[in-house]
Amino acid sequence: QVQLVESGGGLVQAGDSLRLSCAASGRTFSSYALGWFRQAPGKERYFVAGISWTGGRTDYAESVKGRFTISRDNAKNTVYLQMNSLKPEDTAVYYCAAKIDYSGSYLTTRAATYDYWGQGTQVTVSS
């Protein structure tokens, strides 16, 4: 079992930056691939970014490539999402998710494959 707690959300203006954090507790953090997803009101939950256990593989949704960066610090049991050049369409609840993996290189964009989820943090970008 692992518990995930997101933080760092807030209300910002278009063009601003935010850094989201997701702190994990429980099982060995480094045995997980991690992902960030977001869900706007009335919409499905969509993949934003993912990172493998070793950090050697990352993937991003097309809509955030070049603006968002995912990283992880296994020593601190924390994964980050640096979000730059924010746009109003980035407004959503952002969720951190963990997928058990012992290979070190696994990465998935499918929400249904993740084993654990945080409660989410709201990001609102005003125009």
C-alpha atoms as a PDB file:
ATOM      1  CA  GLN A   1       0.000   0.000   0.000  1.00  0.00           C
ATOM      2  CA  VAL A   2       1.155   3.523  -0.737  1.00  0.00           C
ATOM      3  CA  GLN A   3      -0.411   6.851   0.107  1.00  0.00           C
ATOM      4  CA  LEU A   4      -0.042   9.844  -2.203  1.00  0.00           C
ATOM      5  CA  VAL A   5      -0.599  13.470  -1.203  1.00  0.00           C
ATOM      6  CA  GLU A   6      -0.473  16.253  -3.775  1.00  0.00           C
ATOM      7  CA  SER A   7       0.287  19.894  -3.018  1.00  0.00           C
ATOM      8  CA  GLY A   8       1.233  23.087  -4.802  1.00  0.00           C
ATOM      9  CA  GLY A   9      -1.958  23.884  -6.646  1.00  0.00           C
ATOM     10  CA  GLY A  10      -3.512  27.317  -6.668  1.00  0.00           C
ATOM     11  CA  LEU A  11      -4.895  30.231  -8.652  1.00  0.00           C
ATOM     12  CA  VAL A  12      -2.504  31.839 -11.117  1.00  0.00           C
ATOM     13  CA  GLN A  13      -2.644  33.986 -14.215  1.00  0.00           C
ATOM     14  CA  ALA A  14      -1.960  32.847 -17.741  1.00  0.00           C
ATOM     15  CA  GLY A  15       1.774  32.677 -18.361  1.00  0.00           C
ATOM     16  CA  ASP A  16       2.632  31.985 -14.732  1.00  0.00           C
ATOM     17  CA  SER A  17       4.317  28.889 -13.342  1.00  0.00           C
ATOM     18  CA  LEU A  18       3.467  26.387 -10.628  1.00  0.00           C
ATOM     19  CA  ARG A  19       5.228  23.364  -9.234  1.00  0.00           C
ATOM     20  CA  LEU A  20       3.122  20.501  -7.995  1.00  0.00           C
ATOM     21  CA  SER A  21       4.502  17.991  -5.553  1.00  0.00           C
ATOM     22  CA  CYS A  22       3.301  14.518  -4.672  1.00  0.00           C
ATOM     23  CA  ALA A  23       4.648  12.979  -1.498  1.00  0.00           C
ATOM     24  CA  ALA A  24       4.408   9.219  -1.064  1.00  0.00           C
ATOM     25  CA  SER A  25       4.452   7.060   2.009  1.00  0.00           C
ATOM     26  CA  GLY A  26       4.136   3.354   2.542  1.00  0.00           C
ATOM     27  CA  ARG A  27       5.884   0.852   0.270  1.00  0.00           C
ATOM     28  CA  THR A  28       9.256   1.507  -1.305  1.00  0.00           C
ATOM     29  CA  PHE A  29       8.740   4.551  -3.463  1.00  0.00           C
ATOM     30  CA  SER A  30      11.287   3.581  -6.047  1.00  0.00           C
ATOM     31  CA  SER A  31       9.272   0.514  -7.038  1.00  0.00           C
ATOM     32  CA  TYR A  32       6.702   2.626  -8.811  1.00  0.00           C
ATOM     33  CA  ALA A  33       6.216   4.308 -12.102  1.00  0.00           C
ATOM     34  CA  LEU A  34       4.499   7.624 -11.459  1.00  0.00           C
ATOM     35  CA  GLY A  35       2.106   9.751 -13.404  1.00  0.00           C
ATOM     36  CA  TRP A  36       0.241  13.024 -13.294  1.00  0.00           C
ATOM     37  CA  PHE A  37      -3.294  13.221 -14.619  1.00  0.00           C
ATOM     38  CA  ARG A  38      -5.823  16.020 -14.707  1.00  0.00           C
ATOM     39  CA  GLN A  39      -9.560  16.273 -14.772  1.00  0.00           C
ATOM     40  CA  ALA A  40     -11.593  19.340 -15.651  1.00  0.00           C
ATOM     41  CA  PRO A  41     -15.260  19.659 -14.614  1.00  0.00           C
ATOM     42  CA  GLY A  42     -17.465  17.444 -16.720  1.00  0.00           C
ATOM     43  CA  LYS A  43     -14.523  15.812 -18.470  1.00  0.00           C
ATOM     44  CA  GLU A  44     -12.609  12.575 -18.214  1.00  0.00           C
ATOM     45  CA  ARG A  45      -9.308  12.196 -16.419  1.00  0.00           C
ATOM     46  CA  TYR A  46      -6.438  12.657 -18.878  1.00  0.00           C
ATOM     47  CA  PHE A  47      -2.786  11.761 -18.782  1.00  0.00           C
ATOM     48  CA  VAL A  48      -0.445  14.724 -18.380  1.00  0.00           C
ATOM     49  CA  ALA A  49       3.007  13.298 -17.693  1.00  0.00           C
ATOM     50  CA  GLY A  50       4.678  10.109 -16.514  1.00  0.00           C
ATOM     51  CA  ILE A  51       8.062   8.973 -15.282  1.00  0.00           C
ATOM     52  CA  SER A  52       9.585   5.539 -14.841  1.00  0.00           C
ATOM     53  CA  TRP A  53      10.997   4.188 -11.598  1.00  0.00           C
ATOM     54  CA  THR A  54      14.561   5.114 -12.494  1.00  0.00           C
ATOM     55  CA  GLY A  55      13.557   8.424 -13.996  1.00  0.00           C
ATOM     56  CA  GLY A  56      15.150   7.364 -17.245  1.00  0.00           C
ATOM     57  CA  ARG A  57      11.907   7.471 -19.196  1.00  0.00           C
ATOM     58  CA  THR A  58       9.387  10.283 -19.303  1.00  0.00           C
ATOM     59  CA  ASP A  59       6.335  10.937 -21.411  1.00  0.00           C
ATOM     60  CA  TYR A  60       4.045  13.911 -21.862  1.00  0.00           C
ATOM     61  CA  ALA A  61       0.704  14.730 -23.348  1.00  0.00           C
ATOM     62  CA  GLU A  62       1.073  16.721 -26.549  1.00  0.00           C
ATOM     63  CA  SER A  63      -0.745  19.656 -25.008  1.00  0.00           C
ATOM     64  CA  VAL A  64       1.912  20.143 -22.312  1.00  0.00           C
ATOM     65  CA  LYS A  65       5.115  19.213 -24.130  1.00  0.00           C
ATOM     66  CA  GLY A  66       7.698  21.947 -23.828  1.00  0.00           C
ATOM     67  CA  ARG A  67       5.840  23.569 -20.921  1.00  0.00           C
ATOM     68  CA  PHE A  68       5.636  20.893 -18.216  1.00  0.00           C
ATOM     69  CA  THR A  69       8.436  18.826 -16.721  1.00  0.00           C
ATOM     70  CA  ILE A  70       8.033  15.760 -14.521  1.00  0.00           C
ATOM     71  CA  SER A  71      10.794  14.697 -12.161  1.00  0.00           C
ATOM     72  CA  ARG A  72      11.191  12.527  -9.104  1.00  0.00           C
ATOM     73  CA  ASP A  73      13.404  12.343  -6.052  1.00  0.00           C
ATOM     74  CA  ASN A  74      13.312   8.789  -4.757  1.00  0.00           C
ATOM     75  CA  ALA A  75      15.306   9.766  -1.670  1.00  0.00           C
ATOM     76  CA  LYS A  76      12.509  12.170  -0.718  1.00  0.00           C
ATOM     77  CA  ASN A  77       9.684   9.927  -1.950  1.00  0.00           C
ATOM     78  CA  THR A  78       8.401  12.804  -4.013  1.00  0.00           C
ATOM     79  CA  VAL A  79       7.449  13.403  -7.623  1.00  0.00           C
ATOM     80  CA  TYR A  80       7.157  16.879  -9.082  1.00  0.00           C
ATOM     81  CA  LEU A  81       5.391  18.527 -11.982  1.00  0.00           C
ATOM     82  CA  GLN A  82       6.888  21.845 -13.004  1.00  0.00           C
ATOM     83  CA  MET A  83       4.309  23.743 -15.033  1.00  0.00           C
ATOM     84  CA  ASN A  84       5.419  26.794 -16.996  1.00  0.00           C
ATOM     85  CA  SER A  85       3.575  29.097 -19.387  1.00  0.00           C
ATOM     86  CA  LEU A  86       0.253  28.053 -17.926  1.00  0.00           C
ATOM     87  CA  LYS A  87      -2.883  28.499 -19.993  1.00  0.00           C
ATOM     88  CA  PRO A  88      -6.545  28.731 -18.962  1.00  0.00           C
ATOM     89  CA  GLU A  89      -7.092  25.309 -20.557  1.00  0.00           C
ATOM     90  CA  ASP A  90      -4.693  23.835 -17.995  1.00  0.00           C
ATOM     91  CA  THR A  91      -7.319  24.480 -15.328  1.00  0.00           C
ATOM     92  CA  ALA A  92      -8.220  21.179 -13.668  1.00  0.00           C
ATOM     93  CA  VAL A  93      -7.765  19.019 -10.628  1.00  0.00           C
ATOM     94  CA  TYR A  94      -4.354  17.395 -10.891  1.00  0.00           C
ATOM     95  CA  TYR A  95      -3.869  13.877  -9.587  1.00  0.00           C
ATOM     96  CA  CYS A  96      -0.738  11.939  -8.826  1.00  0.00           C
ATOM     97  CA  ALA A  97      -0.790   8.185  -9.477  1.00  0.00           C
ATOM     98  CA  ALA A  98       1.545   5.264  -8.837  1.00  0.00           C
ATOM     99  CA  LYS A  99       1.932   1.999 -10.728  1.00  0.00           C
ATOM    100  CA  ILE A 100       3.814  -0.905  -9.152  1.00  0.00           C
ATOM    101  CA  ASP A 101       6.861  -1.733 -11.262  1.00  0.00           C
ATOM    102  CA  TYR A 102      10.073  -3.614 -10.584  1.00  0.00           C
ATOM    103  CA  SER A 103      11.583  -3.373 -14.047  1.00  0.00           C
ATOM    104  CA  GLY A 104      12.648   0.225 -13.669  1.00  0.00           C
ATOM    105  CA  SER A 105      11.610   1.219 -17.158  1.00  0.00           C
ATOM    106  CA  TYR A 106       7.840   0.782 -17.220  1.00  0.00           C
ATOM    107  CA  LEU A 107       5.746   3.798 -18.121  1.00  0.00           C
ATOM    108  CA  THR A 108       2.068   3.996 -18.993  1.00  0.00           C
ATOM    109  CA  THR A 109      -0.356   6.717 -19.993  1.00  0.00           C
ATOM    110  CA  ARG A 110      -3.479   4.684 -19.190  1.00  0.00           C
ATOM    111  CA  ALA A 111      -5.212   5.766 -15.981  1.00  0.00           C
ATOM    112  CA  ALA A 112      -6.815   2.355 -15.500  1.00  0.00           C
ATOM    113  CA  THR A 113      -3.411   0.692 -15.106  1.00  0.00           C
ATOM    114  CA  TYR A 114      -2.338   2.741 -12.098  1.00  0.00           C
ATOM    115  CA  ASP A 115      -2.628   1.157  -8.687  1.00  0.00           C
ATOM    116  CA  TYR A 116      -2.802   4.133  -6.342  1.00  0.00           C
ATOM    117  CA  TRP A 117      -4.106   7.682  -6.548  1.00  0.00           C
ATOM    118  CA  GLY A 118      -3.876  10.860  -4.548  1.00  0.00           C
ATOM    119  CA  GLN A 119      -6.813  13.096  -3.697  1.00  0.00           C
ATOM    120  CA  GLY A 120      -5.859  15.783  -6.179  1.00  0.00           C
ATOM    121  CA  THR A 121      -4.928  19.449  -6.084  1.00  0.00           C
ATOM    122  CA  GLN A 122      -6.793  22.232  -7.879  1.00  0.00           C
ATOM    123  CA  VAL A 123      -5.006  24.335 -10.462  1.00  0.00           C
ATOM    124  CA  THR A 124      -6.879  27.345 -11.804  1.00  0.00           C
ATOM    125  CA  VAL A 125      -5.409  29.548 -14.515  1.00  0.00           C
ATOM    126  CA  SER A 126      -7.142  32.839 -15.202  1.00  0.00           C
ATOM    127  CA  SER A 127      -6.893  34.647 -18.524  1.00  0.00           C
END
